[in-house]
C-alpha cells in the first residue's frame, strides 16, 4: 500500500520542512499579514523596516532634546543663529521673522508610544507614571511579538540575546 492521500509525497515539499507561520507586521498602520522567513521577523517588508528605523530615530531625537545636554545644544544653536542674523546682509525677511517665535510649552509632559510606527503622544498621569503605550492595541501588539521572541530564544539556547541567527558561531572541528 502507498502513502495516505493526506500526506504529500512531493520531494521538494519534504525537503523544506514545515512552513513558517503567518504573522502580523508590527508597524502601526501596516499590520499586514505575512509569511515570515525567519522566526524573529517583525516586519513584512524592507519599507516597513525602514519606517520602524525612522520611528526609532525620531523617538531617540525627542528623548535627547528633552535632556539637559540636548537643551544646552539647542540653546547654543539658537545663540549662533541670533549672532548671524545681527549682520545686516543676513537679516531674515518679514515673512521669516513672523514665523519665528517662542512656542508655549504644554502644561503636561507628553510621552510617545513604545510601538514602532506609532507617533501618538499622551500625557503622563500621576495614576500611571509608567505607562508606555497609547492604547491597549499597541500594548498587545508589542507584547505578542516579545512573547513569541522569548519562546523562540528558550527553544534555541545557542542564540544569545545579542546575537541574531546569522551571527551564531559554530565551533570548528579540529582536524586530525
Protein backbone atom coordinates (compact mmCIF):
# COMPACT_ATOMS: atom_id res chain seq x y z
CA UNK A 1 0.00 0.00 0.00
CA UNK A 2 1.12 3.53 -0.73
CA UNK A 3 1.14 6.58 1.48
CA UNK A 4 -2.10 8.03 2.74
CA UNK A 5 -3.68 10.67 0.50
CA UNK A 6 -3.49 13.26 3.29
CA UNK A 7 0.31 13.20 3.21
CA UNK A 8 2.29 14.74 0.38
CA UNK A 9 4.91 12.71 -1.44
CA UNK A 10 6.38 15.76 -3.20
CA UNK A 11 10.15 15.64 -2.55
CA UNK A 12 10.54 19.44 -2.74
CA UNK A 13 7.95 19.97 -0.04
CA UNK A 14 9.51 17.35 2.20
CA UNK A 15 12.96 18.97 1.93
CA UNK A 16 11.71 22.39 3.03
CA UNK A 17 10.18 21.12 6.27
CA UNK A 18 7.29 22.87 7.96
CA UNK A 19 6.28 26.19 6.52
CA UNK A 20 6.90 29.29 8.65
CA UNK A 21 3.96 30.79 10.47
CA UNK A 22 1.92 33.66 9.28
CA UNK A 23 2.10 36.75 11.46
CA UNK A 24 1.11 40.38 11.53
CA UNK A 25 3.52 43.24 10.78
CA UNK A 26 4.38 45.12 14.00
CA UNK A 27 4.50 48.56 12.35
CA UNK A 28 1.44 50.61 13.26
CA UNK A 29 -0.51 51.49 10.15
CA UNK A 30 0.66 48.47 8.15
CA UNK A 31 -0.34 45.47 10.27
CA UNK A 32 -0.34 43.28 7.14
CA UNK A 33 -0.30 39.50 7.48
CA UNK A 34 2.82 37.93 6.03
CA UNK A 35 4.67 34.63 5.98
CA UNK A 36 7.91 35.12 7.86
CA UNK A 37 11.20 33.80 6.56
CA UNK A 38 12.81 33.89 9.99
CA UNK A 39 11.30 33.21 13.44
CA UNK A 40 12.29 36.65 14.71
CA UNK A 41 10.91 38.65 11.76
CA UNK A 42 8.81 41.61 12.96
CA UNK A 43 8.06 43.45 9.71
CA UNK A 44 6.54 42.35 6.42
CA UNK A 45 8.89 44.25 4.08
CA UNK A 46 12.01 46.39 3.77
CA UNK A 47 9.88 49.54 3.63
CA UNK A 48 8.31 48.66 6.99
CA UNK A 49 11.78 48.04 8.46
CA UNK A 50 12.91 51.47 7.21
CA UNK A 51 9.78 53.11 8.64
CA UNK A 52 10.41 51.42 12.01
CA UNK A 53 14.03 52.63 11.96
CA UNK A 54 12.82 56.17 11.18
CA UNK A 55 10.40 55.97 14.13
CA UNK A 56 13.21 54.74 16.39
CA UNK A 57 15.42 57.69 15.39
CA UNK A 58 12.50 60.12 15.86
CA UNK A 59 11.94 58.80 19.37
CA UNK A 60 15.65 58.96 20.25
CA UNK A 61 15.89 62.55 18.97
CA UNK A 62 12.84 63.50 21.01
CA UNK A 63 14.35 61.97 24.15
CA UNK A 64 17.69 63.74 23.51
CA UNK A 65 16.02 67.12 23.05
CA UNK A 66 14.36 66.75 26.46
CA UNK A 67 17.68 66.01 28.21
CA UNK A 68 19.79 68.77 29.71
CA UNK A 69 22.58 68.20 27.19
CA UNK A 70 20.10 68.40 24.31
CA UNK A 71 18.59 71.62 25.65
CA UNK A 72 22.07 73.15 26.06
CA UNK A 73 22.97 72.19 22.49
CA UNK A 74 19.75 73.77 21.18
CA UNK A 75 20.37 76.97 23.19
CA UNK A 76 23.85 77.18 21.63
CA UNK A 77 22.42 76.71 18.13
CA UNK A 78 19.88 79.49 18.72
CA UNK A 79 22.60 81.80 20.08
CA UNK A 80 24.74 81.24 16.98
CA UNK A 81 21.78 81.93 14.70
CA UNK A 82 20.96 85.17 16.52
CA UNK A 83 24.58 86.28 16.04
CA UNK A 84 24.39 85.53 12.31
CA UNK A 85 21.12 87.47 11.99
CA UNK A 86 22.67 90.57 13.59
CA UNK A 87 24.78 91.06 10.48
CA UNK A 88 22.98 93.37 8.01
CA UNK A 89 23.19 91.09 4.97
CA UNK A 90 21.85 88.08 6.89
CA UNK A 91 18.65 89.69 8.20
CA UNK A 92 15.58 87.50 7.71
CA UNK A 93 12.68 88.83 5.67
CA UNK A 94 9.43 89.85 7.30
CA UNK A 95 7.75 86.56 6.43
CA UNK A 96 10.51 84.55 8.05
CA UNK A 97 10.51 86.81 11.11
CA UNK A 98 6.77 86.35 11.57
CA UNK A 99 7.14 82.59 11.64
CA UNK A 100 9.81 82.62 14.34
CA UNK A 101 8.95 82.90 17.96
CA UNK A 102 8.59 81.21 21.26
CA UNK A 103 6.39 78.13 21.34
CA UNK A 104 4.47 77.80 24.56
CA UNK A 105 5.21 74.61 26.42
CA UNK A 106 2.23 72.40 27.05
CA UNK A 107 1.03 72.06 30.61
CA UNK A 108 1.72 68.33 30.84
CA UNK A 109 4.74 66.29 29.78
CA UNK A 110 3.97 64.27 26.65
CA UNK A 111 5.23 60.71 26.22
CA UNK A 112 5.44 58.87 22.90
CA UNK A 113 4.03 55.38 22.42
CA UNK A 114 6.53 52.47 22.51
CA UNK A 115 5.10 50.63 19.50
CA UNK A 116 7.18 51.08 16.31
CA UNK A 117 5.48 53.42 13.86
CA UNK A 118 3.12 54.94 16.45
CA UNK A 119 3.72 58.69 16.67
CA UNK A 120 0.88 59.34 19.12
CA UNK A 121 1.85 61.15 22.28
CA UNK A 122 -0.09 61.10 25.53
CA UNK A 123 0.11 62.93 28.82
CA UNK A 124 1.88 61.41 31.79
CA UNK A 125 -0.59 60.93 34.63
CA UNK A 126 0.11 60.51 38.34
CA UNK A 127 -2.13 57.43 38.32
CA UNK A 128 0.06 55.55 35.82
CA UNK A 129 3.53 57.13 35.56
CA UNK A 130 4.99 54.02 33.89
CA UNK A 131 2.51 53.96 31.01
CA UNK A 132 4.30 53.25 27.70
CA UNK A 133 1.52 52.74 25.15
CA UNK A 134 -1.21 54.99 23.79
CA UNK A 135 -3.80 52.19 23.65
CA UNK A 136 -4.35 48.54 24.51
CA UNK A 137 -4.00 47.66 20.82
CA UNK A 138 -0.39 48.92 20.73
CA UNK A 139 0.41 47.25 24.05
CA UNK A 140 -0.96 43.87 22.91
CA UNK A 141 0.84 44.04 19.53
CA UNK A 142 4.27 44.53 21.11
CA UNK A 143 3.54 42.02 23.88
CA UNK A 144 2.63 39.39 21.27
CA UNK A 145 5.96 39.92 19.45
CA UNK A 146 8.06 39.87 22.64
CA UNK A 147 6.39 36.69 23.89
CA UNK A 148 6.99 34.97 20.54
CA UNK A 149 10.67 36.01 20.57
CA UNK A 150 11.07 34.81 24.17
CA UNK A 151 9.60 31.41 23.26
CA UNK A 152 11.99 31.14 20.31
CA UNK A 153 15.00 32.03 22.44
CA UNK A 154 14.04 29.46 25.09
CA UNK A 155 13.93 26.79 22.39
CA UNK A 156 17.20 27.94 20.78
CA UNK A 157 19.81 28.26 23.56
CA UNK A 158 22.64 28.71 21.02
CA UNK A 159 21.30 32.15 20.09
CA UNK A 160 22.06 34.71 22.79
CA UNK A 161 20.11 37.91 23.30
CA UNK A 162 22.61 39.99 21.31
CA UNK A 163 23.34 37.51 18.55
CA UNK A 164 21.00 37.14 15.64
CA UNK A 165 20.59 33.80 13.90
CA UNK A 166 23.00 34.77 11.14
CA UNK A 167 25.68 35.64 13.70
CA UNK A 168 25.70 32.35 15.60
CA UNK A 169 29.23 31.00 15.64
CA UNK A 170 29.54 27.25 15.30
CA UNK A 171 32.78 25.75 16.58
CA UNK A 172 35.09 24.24 14.00
CA UNK A 173 36.07 20.61 14.36
CA UNK A 174 39.73 20.03 14.97
CA UNK A 175 41.36 18.29 12.04
CA UNK A 176 43.36 15.18 12.85
